[in-house]
Amino acid sequence: MSRDVDGLSDEIRSFVWAMTRRFRLEAEEVADLSLAQQNVLARLDRTPGMTGAELARSEAVRPQSMTKTVASLREAGLVEASVSALDARRHELALTAAGADVLVRIRRLRHDWLAERLDATLDAAEMDRVADGLAVLRRVVDATPRR
């Protein structure tokens, strides 16, 4: 069955938004964090030592927005800042032990929720189709240049 590109784009966008909302709901069980806050925790887990400006660029948000997000995470005790040993003007951010714990728990809940739904809903052939579709969608995302 052939679909038009606009319709397919709308369906994919709607699905991604629904999945994002569902993952946000799963995360609420652990902590009341916005998606922006969750993204910062994940980014700092992958790349500790980033500055607020670097985080803003990597998340494609304004520095002022990132300053607020980081401040709320610091207040919650999930992120800490330290002065760089090489450049005293550079304030590097990292997860605290509590921040790392929250992130692990959020990831575990999301993983468990999705794995349970996949197992309960799809048969082996459908799982193969989903895997094939994800490989194609990954190509679309990876081929898109950053603005």
C-alpha atoms as a PDB file:
ATOM      1  CA  MET A   1       0.000   0.000   0.000  1.00  0.00           C
ATOM      2  CA  SER A   2       1.562   3.256  -1.140  1.00  0.00           C
ATOM      3  CA  ARG A   3       1.325   6.344   1.060  1.00  0.00           C
ATOM      4  CA  ASP A   4       2.046   9.956   0.320  1.00  0.00           C
ATOM      5  CA  VAL A   5       5.110  11.458   1.962  1.00  0.00           C
ATOM      6  CA  ASP A   6       3.118  14.113   3.847  1.00  0.00           C
ATOM      7  CA  GLY A   7       0.755  11.517   5.333  1.00  0.00           C
ATOM      8  CA  LEU A   8       3.629   9.249   6.320  1.00  0.00           C
ATOM      9  CA  SER A   9       5.468  12.178   7.852  1.00  0.00           C
ATOM     10  CA  ASP A  10       2.380  13.065   9.899  1.00  0.00           C
ATOM     11  CA  GLU A  11       1.967   9.452  11.074  1.00  0.00           C
ATOM     12  CA  ILE A  12       5.595   9.135  12.134  1.00  0.00           C
ATOM     13  CA  ARG A  13       5.549  12.494  13.924  1.00  0.00           C
ATOM     14  CA  SER A  14       2.341  11.572  15.730  1.00  0.00           C
ATOM     15  CA  PHE A  15       3.791   8.206  16.769  1.00  0.00           C
ATOM     16  CA  VAL A  16       7.039   9.739  18.029  1.00  0.00           C
ATOM     17  CA  TRP A  17       5.104  12.322  20.026  1.00  0.00           C
ATOM     18  CA  ALA A  18       2.881   9.612  21.578  1.00  0.00           C
ATOM     19  CA  MET A  19       5.919   7.505  22.468  1.00  0.00           C
ATOM     20  CA  THR A  20       7.650  10.552  23.966  1.00  0.00           C
ATOM     21  CA  ARG A  21       4.599  11.347  26.110  1.00  0.00           C
ATOM     22  CA  ARG A  22       4.431   7.729  27.256  1.00  0.00           C
ATOM     23  CA  PHE A  23       8.111   7.691  28.183  1.00  0.00           C
ATOM     24  CA  ARG A  24       7.591  10.964  30.067  1.00  0.00           C
ATOM     25  CA  LEU A  25       4.770   9.309  32.034  1.00  0.00           C
ATOM     26  CA  GLU A  26       6.993   6.346  32.868  1.00  0.00           C
ATOM     27  CA  ALA A  27       9.701   8.716  34.110  1.00  0.00           C
ATOM     28  CA  GLU A  28       7.257  10.467  36.467  1.00  0.00           C
ATOM     29  CA  GLU A  29       7.299   7.323  38.594  1.00  0.00           C
ATOM     30  CA  VAL A  30      10.944   8.105  39.386  1.00  0.00           C
ATOM     31  CA  ALA A  31      11.074  11.913  39.369  1.00  0.00           C
ATOM     32  CA  ASP A  32       9.040  14.872  38.197  1.00  0.00           C
ATOM     33  CA  LEU A  33      11.428  15.957  35.455  1.00  0.00           C
ATOM     34  CA  SER A  34      10.660  17.659  32.165  1.00  0.00           C
ATOM     35  CA  LEU A  35      11.898  16.100  28.948  1.00  0.00           C
ATOM     36  CA  ALA A  36      14.488  18.871  28.730  1.00  0.00           C
ATOM     37  CA  GLN A  37      15.776  17.960  32.190  1.00  0.00           C
ATOM     38  CA  GLN A  38      15.843  14.265  31.306  1.00  0.00           C
ATOM     39  CA  ASN A  39      17.756  15.066  28.107  1.00  0.00           C
ATOM     40  CA  VAL A  40      20.354  17.055  30.048  1.00  0.00           C
ATOM     41  CA  LEU A  41      20.853  14.171  32.480  1.00  0.00           C
ATOM     42  CA  ALA A  42      21.307  11.762  29.570  1.00  0.00           C
ATOM     43  CA  ARG A  43      23.686  14.132  27.762  1.00  0.00           C
ATOM     44  CA  LEU A  44      25.822  14.622  30.877  1.00  0.00           C
ATOM     45  CA  ASP A  45      25.875  10.874  31.397  1.00  0.00           C
ATOM     46  CA  ARG A  46      27.324  10.441  27.896  1.00  0.00           C
ATOM     47  CA  THR A  47      29.544  13.532  28.010  1.00  0.00           C
ATOM     48  CA  PRO A  48      30.382  14.698  31.533  1.00  0.00           C
ATOM     49  CA  GLY A  49      32.177  18.012  31.887  1.00  0.00           C
ATOM     50  CA  MET A  50      30.100  19.966  29.377  1.00  0.00           C
ATOM     51  CA  THR A  51      29.386  23.613  30.079  1.00  0.00           C
ATOM     52  CA  GLY A  52      25.940  25.150  29.993  1.00  0.00           C
ATOM     53  CA  ALA A  53      26.724  26.744  26.630  1.00  0.00           C
ATOM     54  CA  GLU A  54      27.867  23.404  25.198  1.00  0.00           C
ATOM     55  CA  LEU A  55      24.708  21.748  26.495  1.00  0.00           C
ATOM     56  CA  ALA A  56      22.567  24.481  24.928  1.00  0.00           C
ATOM     57  CA  ARG A  57      24.231  23.964  21.546  1.00  0.00           C
ATOM     58  CA  SER A  58      23.966  20.175  21.734  1.00  0.00           C
ATOM     59  CA  GLU A  59      20.270  20.331  22.684  1.00  0.00           C
ATOM     60  CA  ALA A  60      19.552  23.150  20.191  1.00  0.00           C
ATOM     61  CA  VAL A  61      18.092  25.500  22.803  1.00  0.00           C
ATOM     62  CA  ARG A  62      18.898  29.034  23.861  1.00  0.00           C
ATOM     63  CA  PRO A  63      21.567  29.454  26.534  1.00  0.00           C
ATOM     64  CA  GLN A  64      19.032  31.181  28.802  1.00  0.00           C
ATOM     65  CA  SER A  65      16.726  28.148  28.621  1.00  0.00           C
ATOM     66  CA  MET A  66      19.597  25.805  29.390  1.00  0.00           C
ATOM     67  CA  THR A  67      20.651  27.967  32.343  1.00  0.00           C
ATOM     68  CA  LYS A  68      17.176  27.504  33.855  1.00  0.00           C
ATOM     69  CA  THR A  69      17.169  23.772  33.168  1.00  0.00           C
ATOM     70  CA  VAL A  70      20.616  23.274  34.708  1.00  0.00           C
ATOM     71  CA  ALA A  71      19.738  25.465  37.707  1.00  0.00           C
ATOM     72  CA  SER A  72      16.668  23.336  38.448  1.00  0.00           C
ATOM     73  CA  LEU A  73      18.722  20.140  38.203  1.00  0.00           C
ATOM     74  CA  ARG A  74      21.380  21.598  40.504  1.00  0.00           C
ATOM     75  CA  GLU A  75      18.695  22.627  43.008  1.00  0.00           C
ATOM     76  CA  ALA A  76      17.348  19.082  42.927  1.00  0.00           C
ATOM     77  CA  GLY A  77      20.842  17.742  43.626  1.00  0.00           C
ATOM     78  CA  LEU A  78      21.032  15.857  40.321  1.00  0.00           C
ATOM     79  CA  VAL A  79      23.776  17.911  38.661  1.00  0.00           C
ATOM     80  CA  GLU A  80      26.856  19.629  40.058  1.00  0.00           C
ATOM     81  CA  ALA A  81      29.245  22.197  38.628  1.00  0.00           C
ATOM     82  CA  SER A  82      32.967  22.444  39.134  1.00  0.00           C
ATOM     83  CA  VAL A  83      35.637  24.810  37.910  1.00  0.00           C
ATOM     84  CA  SER A  84      37.911  23.350  35.256  1.00  0.00           C
ATOM     85  CA  ALA A  85      41.446  22.644  36.364  1.00  0.00           C
ATOM     86  CA  LEU A  86      42.680  23.966  33.000  1.00  0.00           C
ATOM     87  CA  ASP A  87      40.510  27.099  32.716  1.00  0.00           C
ATOM     88  CA  ALA A  88      39.016  28.793  35.780  1.00  0.00           C
ATOM     89  CA  ARG A  89      36.396  30.501  33.571  1.00  0.00           C
ATOM     90  CA  ARG A  90      34.995  27.128  32.542  1.00  0.00           C
ATOM     91  CA  HIS A  91      32.281  25.643  34.785  1.00  0.00           C
ATOM     92  CA  GLU A  92      31.915  21.972  33.963  1.00  0.00           C
ATOM     93  CA  LEU A  93      28.736  20.062  34.724  1.00  0.00           C
ATOM     94  CA  ALA A  94      28.392  16.455  35.791  1.00  0.00           C
ATOM     95  CA  LEU A  95      25.776  14.153  37.247  1.00  0.00           C
ATOM     96  CA  THR A  96      25.766  13.666  40.982  1.00  0.00           C
ATOM     97  CA  ALA A  97      25.321  10.145  42.337  1.00  0.00           C
ATOM     98  CA  ALA A  98      21.623  10.976  42.798  1.00  0.00           C
ATOM     99  CA  GLY A  99      21.406  12.203  39.188  1.00  0.00           C
ATOM    100  CA  ALA A 100      23.015   9.027  37.875  1.00  0.00           C
ATOM    101  CA  ASP A 101      20.638   6.941  39.993  1.00  0.00           C
ATOM    102  CA  VAL A 102      17.563   8.794  38.707  1.00  0.00           C
ATOM    103  CA  LEU A 103      18.733   8.353  35.121  1.00  0.00           C
ATOM    104  CA  VAL A 104      19.316   4.609  35.579  1.00  0.00           C
ATOM    105  CA  ARG A 105      15.875   4.204  37.121  1.00  0.00           C
ATOM    106  CA  ILE A 106      14.170   6.186  34.337  1.00  0.00           C
ATOM    107  CA  ARG A 107      15.930   4.153  31.652  1.00  0.00           C
ATOM    108  CA  ARG A 108      15.028   0.894  33.388  1.00  0.00           C
ATOM    109  CA  LEU A 109      11.335   1.822  33.649  1.00  0.00           C
ATOM    110  CA  ARG A 110      11.182   2.892  30.008  1.00  0.00           C
ATOM    111  CA  HIS A 111      12.976  -0.229  28.861  1.00  0.00           C
ATOM    112  CA  ASP A 112      10.775  -2.510  30.928  1.00  0.00           C
ATOM    113  CA  TRP A 113       7.571  -0.801  29.765  1.00  0.00           C
ATOM    114  CA  LEU A 114       8.493  -1.072  26.097  1.00  0.00           C
ATOM    115  CA  ALA A 115       9.903  -4.606  26.307  1.00  0.00           C
ATOM    116  CA  GLU A 116       6.750  -5.815  28.057  1.00  0.00           C
ATOM    117  CA  ARG A 117       4.506  -4.194  25.411  1.00  0.00           C
ATOM    118  CA  LEU A 118       6.540  -5.589  22.523  1.00  0.00           C
ATOM    119  CA  ASP A 119       6.531  -9.082  24.006  1.00  0.00           C
ATOM    120  CA  ALA A 120       2.810  -9.010  24.823  1.00  0.00           C
ATOM    121  CA  THR A 121       1.687  -7.464  21.541  1.00  0.00           C
ATOM    122  CA  LEU A 122       3.927  -8.642  18.702  1.00  0.00           C
ATOM    123  CA  ASP A 123       4.754 -12.040  17.301  1.00  0.00           C
ATOM    124  CA  ALA A 124       8.229 -12.864  15.938  1.00  0.00           C
ATOM    125  CA  ALA A 125       7.409 -11.799  12.372  1.00  0.00           C
ATOM    126  CA  GLU A 126       6.040  -8.459  13.561  1.00  0.00           C
ATOM    127  CA  MET A 127       9.134  -7.872  15.694  1.00  0.00           C
ATOM    128  CA  ASP A 128      11.261  -8.498  12.602  1.00  0.00           C
ATOM    129  CA  ARG A 129       9.174  -5.961  10.646  1.00  0.00           C
ATOM    130  CA  VAL A 130       9.563  -3.389  13.427  1.00  0.00           C
ATOM    131  CA  ALA A 131      13.332  -3.976  13.481  1.00  0.00           C
ATOM    132  CA  ASP A 132      13.516  -3.561   9.695  1.00  0.00           C
ATOM    133  CA  GLY A 133      11.427  -0.382   9.878  1.00  0.00           C
ATOM    134  CA  LEU A 134      13.650   1.060  12.594  1.00  0.00           C
ATOM    135  CA  ALA A 135      16.729   0.446  10.458  1.00  0.00           C
ATOM    136  CA  VAL A 136      15.116   2.435   7.645  1.00  0.00           C
ATOM    137  CA  LEU A 137      14.025   5.251   9.978  1.00  0.00           C
ATOM    138  CA  ARG A 138      17.528   5.382  11.483  1.00  0.00           C
ATOM    139  CA  ARG A 139      18.874   6.016   7.972  1.00  0.00           C
ATOM    140  CA  VAL A 140      16.450   8.933   7.588  1.00  0.00           C
ATOM    141  CA  VAL A 141      17.526  10.475  10.903  1.00  0.00           C
ATOM    142  CA  ASP A 142      21.237   9.861  10.358  1.00  0.00           C
ATOM    143  CA  ALA A 143      21.096  11.373   6.850  1.00  0.00           C
ATOM    144  CA  THR A 144      19.590  14.623   8.130  1.00  0.00           C
ATOM    145  CA  PRO A 145      22.176  17.387   8.510  1.00  0.00           C
ATOM    146  CA  ARG A 146      22.063  19.525  11.661  1.00  0.00           C
ATOM    147  CA  ARG A 147      20.850  23.048  11.219  1.00  0.00           C
END
